[in-house]
C-alpha atoms as a PDB file:
ATOM      1  CA  MET A   1    -106.390 -42.220 -87.233  1.00  0.00           C
ATOM      2  CA  HIS A   2    -106.459 -41.572 -90.961  1.00  0.00           C
ATOM      3  CA  PRO A   3    -103.404 -39.800 -92.370  1.00  0.00           C
ATOM      4  CA  ASP A   4    -105.655 -37.198 -94.019  1.00  0.00           C
ATOM      5  CA  ARG A   5    -107.636 -36.527 -90.800  1.00  0.00           C
ATOM      6  CA  THR A   6    -106.312 -32.987 -90.302  1.00  0.00           C
ATOM      7  CA  SER A   7    -106.992 -31.968 -93.889  1.00  0.00           C
ATOM      8  CA  THR A   8    -110.651 -32.978 -93.712  1.00  0.00           C
ATOM      9  CA  THR A   9    -111.567 -31.149 -90.506  1.00  0.00           C
ATOM     10  CA  ARG A  10    -112.292 -27.476 -90.182  1.00  0.00           C
ATOM     11  CA  PHE A  11    -110.389 -27.276 -86.888  1.00  0.00           C
ATOM     12  CA  PRO A  12    -107.104 -28.735 -85.634  1.00  0.00           C
ATOM     13  CA  VAL A  13    -107.708 -32.219 -84.220  1.00  0.00           C
ATOM     14  CA  PRO A  14    -107.622 -31.280 -80.473  1.00  0.00           C
ATOM     15  CA  VAL A  15    -109.981 -28.335 -81.101  1.00  0.00           C
ATOM     16  CA  ASP A  16    -112.318 -30.465 -83.217  1.00  0.00           C
ATOM     17  CA  ALA A  17    -112.343 -33.111 -80.460  1.00  0.00           C
ATOM     18  CA  ALA A  18    -113.182 -30.545 -77.741  1.00  0.00           C
ATOM     19  CA  LEU A  19    -115.976 -29.051 -79.865  1.00  0.00           C
ATOM     20  CA  ARG A  20    -117.462 -32.461 -80.668  1.00  0.00           C
ATOM     21  CA  ALA A  21    -117.268 -33.488 -76.990  1.00  0.00           C
ATOM     22  CA  ALA A  22    -119.296 -30.323 -76.238  1.00  0.00           C
ATOM     23  CA  GLY A  23    -121.974 -31.386 -78.738  1.00  0.00           C
ATOM     24  CA  TRP A  24    -120.906 -29.453 -81.846  1.00  0.00           C
ATOM     25  CA  GLN A  25    -120.893 -31.137 -85.222  1.00  0.00           C
ATOM     26  CA  PRO A  26    -120.508 -29.825 -88.774  1.00  0.00           C
ATOM     27  CA  GLY A  27    -123.815 -28.394 -89.919  1.00  0.00           C
ATOM     28  CA  ARG A  28    -125.043 -27.590 -86.379  1.00  0.00           C
ATOM     29  CA  TRP A  29    -127.482 -24.695 -86.761  1.00  0.00           C
ATOM     30  CA  ASP A  30    -129.959 -23.692 -84.035  1.00  0.00           C
ATOM     31  CA  ILE A  31    -131.355 -20.480 -85.501  1.00  0.00           C
ATOM     32  CA  LYS A  32    -134.384 -20.593 -83.204  1.00  0.00           C
ATOM     33  CA  GLN A  33    -132.206 -20.311 -80.071  1.00  0.00           C
ATOM     34  CA  ALA A  34    -130.048 -17.663 -81.775  1.00  0.00           C
ATOM     35  CA  GLU A  35    -133.157 -15.577 -82.452  1.00  0.00           C
ATOM     36  CA  ILE A  36    -134.277 -15.906 -78.814  1.00  0.00           C
ATOM     37  CA  TRP A  37    -130.876 -14.563 -77.696  1.00  0.00           C
ATOM     38  CA  ALA A  38    -131.060 -11.782 -80.294  1.00  0.00           C
ATOM     39  CA  ASP A  39    -134.498 -10.697 -79.015  1.00  0.00           C
ATOM     40  CA  THR A  40    -133.374 -10.834 -75.369  1.00  0.00           C
ATOM     41  CA  LEU A  41    -130.307  -8.676 -76.096  1.00  0.00           C
ATOM     42  CA  ARG A  42    -132.241  -6.213 -78.280  1.00  0.00           C
ATOM     43  CA  GLU A  43    -134.904  -5.772 -75.572  1.00  0.00           C
ATOM     44  CA  HIS A  44    -132.389  -5.140 -72.764  1.00  0.00           C
ATOM     45  CA  THR A  45    -131.532  -1.565 -71.796  1.00  0.00           C
ATOM     46  CA  SER A  46    -129.013  -0.873 -69.042  1.00  0.00           C
ATOM     47  CA  PRO A  47    -129.983   1.513 -66.201  1.00  0.00           C
ATOM     48  CA  ALA A  48    -127.873   4.184 -67.959  1.00  0.00           C
ATOM     49  CA  GLY A  49    -129.669   3.613 -71.272  1.00  0.00           C
ATOM     50  CA  HIS A  50    -127.068   1.465 -73.051  1.00  0.00           C
ATOM     51  CA  ARG A  51    -128.382  -1.068 -75.549  1.00  0.00           C
ATOM     52  CA  HIS A  52    -126.960  -4.028 -77.432  1.00  0.00           C
ATOM     53  CA  THR A  53    -126.571  -4.056 -81.190  1.00  0.00           C
ATOM     54  CA  VAL A  54    -127.308  -7.409 -82.820  1.00  0.00           C
ATOM     55  CA  PHE A  55    -126.005  -8.196 -86.318  1.00  0.00           C
ATOM     56  CA  PRO A  56    -125.698 -11.223 -88.643  1.00  0.00           C
ATOM     57  CA  ALA A  57    -122.139 -12.263 -87.672  1.00  0.00           C
ATOM     58  CA  ALA A  58    -123.236 -12.650 -84.040  1.00  0.00           C
ATOM     59  CA  VAL A  59    -126.461 -14.497 -84.864  1.00  0.00           C
ATOM     60  CA  GLU A  60    -124.585 -16.916 -87.140  1.00  0.00           C
ATOM     61  CA  ALA A  61    -121.966 -17.634 -84.441  1.00  0.00           C
ATOM     62  CA  TRP A  62    -124.741 -18.252 -81.881  1.00  0.00           C
ATOM     63  CA  ALA A  63    -126.648 -20.516 -84.268  1.00  0.00           C
ATOM     64  CA  GLU A  64    -123.617 -22.732 -84.818  1.00  0.00           C
ATOM     65  CA  PHE A  65    -121.850 -22.643 -81.447  1.00  0.00           C
ATOM     66  CA  GLY A  66    -124.343 -21.174 -78.965  1.00  0.00           C
ATOM     67  CA  GLY A  67    -125.042 -23.127 -75.794  1.00  0.00           C
ATOM     68  CA  LEU A  68    -121.867 -25.219 -75.966  1.00  0.00           C
ATOM     69  CA  HIS A  69    -119.826 -25.805 -72.815  1.00  0.00           C
ATOM     70  CA  ILE A  70    -116.324 -26.441 -74.200  1.00  0.00           C
ATOM     71  CA  ASN A  71    -113.797 -28.009 -71.837  1.00  0.00           C
ATOM     72  CA  PRO A  72    -110.425 -28.354 -73.571  1.00  0.00           C
ATOM     73  CA  THR A  73    -107.926 -30.924 -72.379  1.00  0.00           C
ATOM     74  CA  GLY A  74    -104.165 -30.801 -72.691  1.00  0.00           C
ATOM     75  CA  PRO A  75    -101.531 -28.275 -71.704  1.00  0.00           C
ATOM     76  CA  GLY A  76    -102.004 -25.664 -74.440  1.00  0.00           C
ATOM     77  CA  ARG A  77     -99.360 -24.300 -76.772  1.00  0.00           C
ATOM     78  CA  GLN A  78     -98.426 -21.074 -74.959  1.00  0.00           C
ATOM     79  CA  VAL A  79    -101.068 -20.578 -72.287  1.00  0.00           C
ATOM     80  CA  ALA A  80    -103.519 -22.863 -70.528  1.00  0.00           C
ATOM     81  CA  PRO A  81    -106.592 -23.564 -72.664  1.00  0.00           C
ATOM     82  CA  VAL A  82    -109.754 -22.113 -71.167  1.00  0.00           C
ATOM     83  CA  PRO A  83    -113.173 -23.677 -70.625  1.00  0.00           C
ATOM     84  CA  LEU A  84    -115.880 -21.732 -72.458  1.00  0.00           C
ATOM     85  CA  HIS A  85    -119.634 -21.336 -72.315  1.00  0.00           C
ATOM     86  CA  LEU A  86    -120.877 -19.908 -75.602  1.00  0.00           C
ATOM     87  CA  ASP A  87    -123.992 -18.081 -74.431  1.00  0.00           C
ATOM     88  CA  PRO A  88    -124.324 -14.379 -75.279  1.00  0.00           C
ATOM     89  CA  LEU A  89    -126.410 -13.721 -72.154  1.00  0.00           C
ATOM     90  CA  HIS A  90    -123.140 -13.765 -70.189  1.00  0.00           C
ATOM     91  CA  GLY A  91    -122.791 -10.260 -71.664  1.00  0.00           C
ATOM     92  CA  LEU A  92    -126.360  -9.074 -71.088  1.00  0.00           C
ATOM     93  CA  HIS A  93    -125.331  -6.472 -68.497  1.00  0.00           C
ATOM     94  CA  MET A  94    -122.185  -5.442 -70.418  1.00  0.00           C
ATOM     95  CA  ALA A  95    -123.805  -3.244 -73.105  1.00  0.00           C
ATOM     96  CA  ARG A  96    -121.829  -0.144 -72.111  1.00  0.00           C
ATOM     97  CA  THR A  97    -118.499  -2.010 -72.038  1.00  0.00           C
ATOM     98  CA  LEU A  98    -119.211  -3.577 -75.433  1.00  0.00           C
ATOM     99  CA  ASN A  99    -120.332  -0.221 -76.879  1.00  0.00           C
ATOM    100  CA  ASP A 100    -117.089   1.348 -75.626  1.00  0.00           C
ATOM    101  CA  LEU A 101    -114.989  -1.414 -77.215  1.00  0.00           C
ATOM    102  CA  GLY A 102    -116.923  -1.063 -80.467  1.00  0.00           C
ATOM    103  CA  ARG A 103    -116.311   2.688 -80.533  1.00  0.00           C
ATOM    104  CA  ALA A 104    -112.592   2.163 -79.866  1.00  0.00           C
ATOM    105  CA  LEU A 105    -112.400  -0.345 -82.732  1.00  0.00           C
ATOM    106  CA  ASP A 106    -114.703   1.632 -85.053  1.00  0.00           C
ATOM    107  CA  THR A 107    -117.227  -1.211 -85.265  1.00  0.00           C
ATOM    108  CA  GLU A 108    -120.123  -2.690 -83.283  1.00  0.00           C
ATOM    109  CA  VAL A 109    -119.566  -5.511 -80.792  1.00  0.00           C
ATOM    110  CA  CYS A 110    -121.983  -8.098 -79.403  1.00  0.00           C
ATOM    111  CA  PRO A 111    -121.546 -10.716 -76.650  1.00  0.00           C
ATOM    112  CA  LEU A 112    -120.634 -14.274 -77.626  1.00  0.00           C
ATOM    113  CA  GLY A 113    -120.048 -16.083 -74.321  1.00  0.00           C
ATOM    114  CA  ALA A 114    -117.608 -16.305 -71.436  1.00  0.00           C
ATOM    115  CA  GLU A 115    -114.507 -18.065 -70.230  1.00  0.00           C
ATOM    116  CA  THR A 116    -116.099 -20.007 -67.390  1.00  0.00           C
ATOM    117  CA  ASP A 117    -113.137 -19.920 -64.971  1.00  0.00           C
ATOM    118  CA  SER A 118    -112.256 -16.226 -65.226  1.00  0.00           C
ATOM    119  CA  GLN A 119    -115.668 -14.917 -66.387  1.00  0.00           C
ATOM    120  CA  ALA A 120    -113.820 -13.059 -69.158  1.00  0.00           C
ATOM    121  CA  LEU A 121    -116.396 -11.968 -71.732  1.00  0.00           C
ATOM    122  CA  LEU A 122    -116.153 -13.169 -75.332  1.00  0.00           C
ATOM    123  CA  ALA A 123    -117.451 -10.757 -77.957  1.00  0.00           C
ATOM    124  CA  ILE A 124    -117.807 -10.641 -81.743  1.00  0.00           C
ATOM    125  CA  ASP A 125    -117.901  -7.654 -84.088  1.00  0.00           C
ATOM    126  CA  THR A 126    -119.837  -6.983 -87.283  1.00  0.00           C
ATOM    127  CA  GLU A 127    -117.009  -8.479 -89.405  1.00  0.00           C
ATOM    128  CA  GLY A 128    -116.928 -11.667 -87.312  1.00  0.00           C
ATOM    129  CA  ARG A 129    -113.699 -10.788 -85.468  1.00  0.00           C
ATOM    130  CA  VAL A 130    -113.612 -12.130 -81.905  1.00  0.00           C
ATOM    131  CA  TYR A 131    -112.328 -10.526 -78.695  1.00  0.00           C
ATOM    132  CA  THR A 132    -112.138 -11.324 -75.009  1.00  0.00           C
ATOM    133  CA  LEU A 133    -112.470  -8.710 -72.265  1.00  0.00           C
ATOM    134  CA  ASP A 134    -111.164  -9.369 -68.769  1.00  0.00           C
ATOM    135  CA  HIS A 135    -109.740  -7.522 -65.779  1.00  0.00           C
ATOM    136  CA  THR A 136    -106.327  -7.322 -67.480  1.00  0.00           C
ATOM    137  CA  GLY A 137    -107.598  -5.637 -70.647  1.00  0.00           C
ATOM    138  CA  ASP A 138    -109.078  -6.418 -74.044  1.00  0.00           C
ATOM    139  CA  TRP A 139    -107.649  -9.130 -76.295  1.00  0.00           C
ATOM    140  CA  TYR A 140    -107.992  -9.961 -79.991  1.00  0.00           C
ATOM    141  CA  LEU A 141    -108.655 -13.672 -80.571  1.00  0.00           C
ATOM    142  CA  GLY A 142    -108.830 -13.759 -84.346  1.00  0.00           C
ATOM    143  CA  PRO A 143    -110.510 -12.649 -87.576  1.00  0.00           C
ATOM    144  CA  ASP A 144    -113.321 -15.226 -87.240  1.00  0.00           C
ATOM    145  CA  ILE A 145    -114.974 -17.608 -84.790  1.00  0.00           C
ATOM    146  CA  ASP A 146    -112.953 -20.603 -86.025  1.00  0.00           C
ATOM    147  CA  THR A 147    -109.637 -18.862 -85.339  1.00  0.00           C
ATOM    148  CA  ALA A 148    -110.865 -17.591 -81.963  1.00  0.00           C
ATOM    149  CA  LEU A 149    -112.025 -21.034 -80.819  1.00  0.00           C
ATOM    150  CA  THR A 150    -108.716 -22.507 -81.972  1.00  0.00           C
ATOM    151  CA  THR A 151    -106.799 -19.799 -80.061  1.00  0.00           C
ATOM    152  CA  LEU A 152    -108.744 -20.454 -76.845  1.00  0.00           C
ATOM    153  CA  VAL A 153    -108.985 -24.242 -77.013  1.00  0.00           C
ATOM    154  CA  ALA A 154    -105.419 -24.815 -78.240  1.00  0.00           C
ATOM    155  CA  GLY A 155    -103.982 -22.371 -75.705  1.00  0.00           C
ATOM    156  CA  THR A 156    -102.384 -19.872 -78.099  1.00  0.00           C
ATOM    157  CA  GLU A 157    -101.467 -16.476 -76.672  1.00  0.00           C
ATOM    158  CA  PRO A 158    -104.000 -13.859 -77.829  1.00  0.00           C
ATOM    159  CA  VAL A 159    -103.023 -10.327 -78.931  1.00  0.00           C
ATOM    160  CA  ARG A 160    -103.479  -7.582 -76.331  1.00  0.00           C
ATOM    161  CA  LEU A 161    -105.502  -4.577 -77.500  1.00  0.00           C
ATOM    162  CA  THR A 162    -105.441  -2.497 -74.312  1.00  0.00           C
ATOM    163  CA  ALA A 163    -103.376  -2.113 -71.185  1.00  0.00           C
ATOM    164  CA  PRO A 164    -105.052  -2.806 -67.830  1.00  0.00           C
END
């Protein structure tokens, strides 16, 4: 390992390794798949009339990380790292929940993927901030996708937004 390895990667070494094992590499950009997801979400209306909002921060996150199955190894810093599937269609039927979170945070929120073990939903807002929603409440994962992935893969305790 080169002594400057950590300074030349965008992510901490264990996070970078988990992302690369999942098929990510710097410069990965599948805008065609991202646009398919955007169209699918835009076209979906819940039985109660709720719709998804799609915006550039979400499309960019999908283009770079969409479709990855990330399986972190190691114990995690504070909590167990979680396996992820970065596919926004995990949130297809969650438009109302995401709209409610967006209203509470004074922004718009779009699905990003899911924690595969717990089925907790990952979501991103118009500024690129990332959240997870599960049966225990809503959690803030970080100001951008890089921080959120590092939080989840490295096993750092996220910040609770809501009580159960």
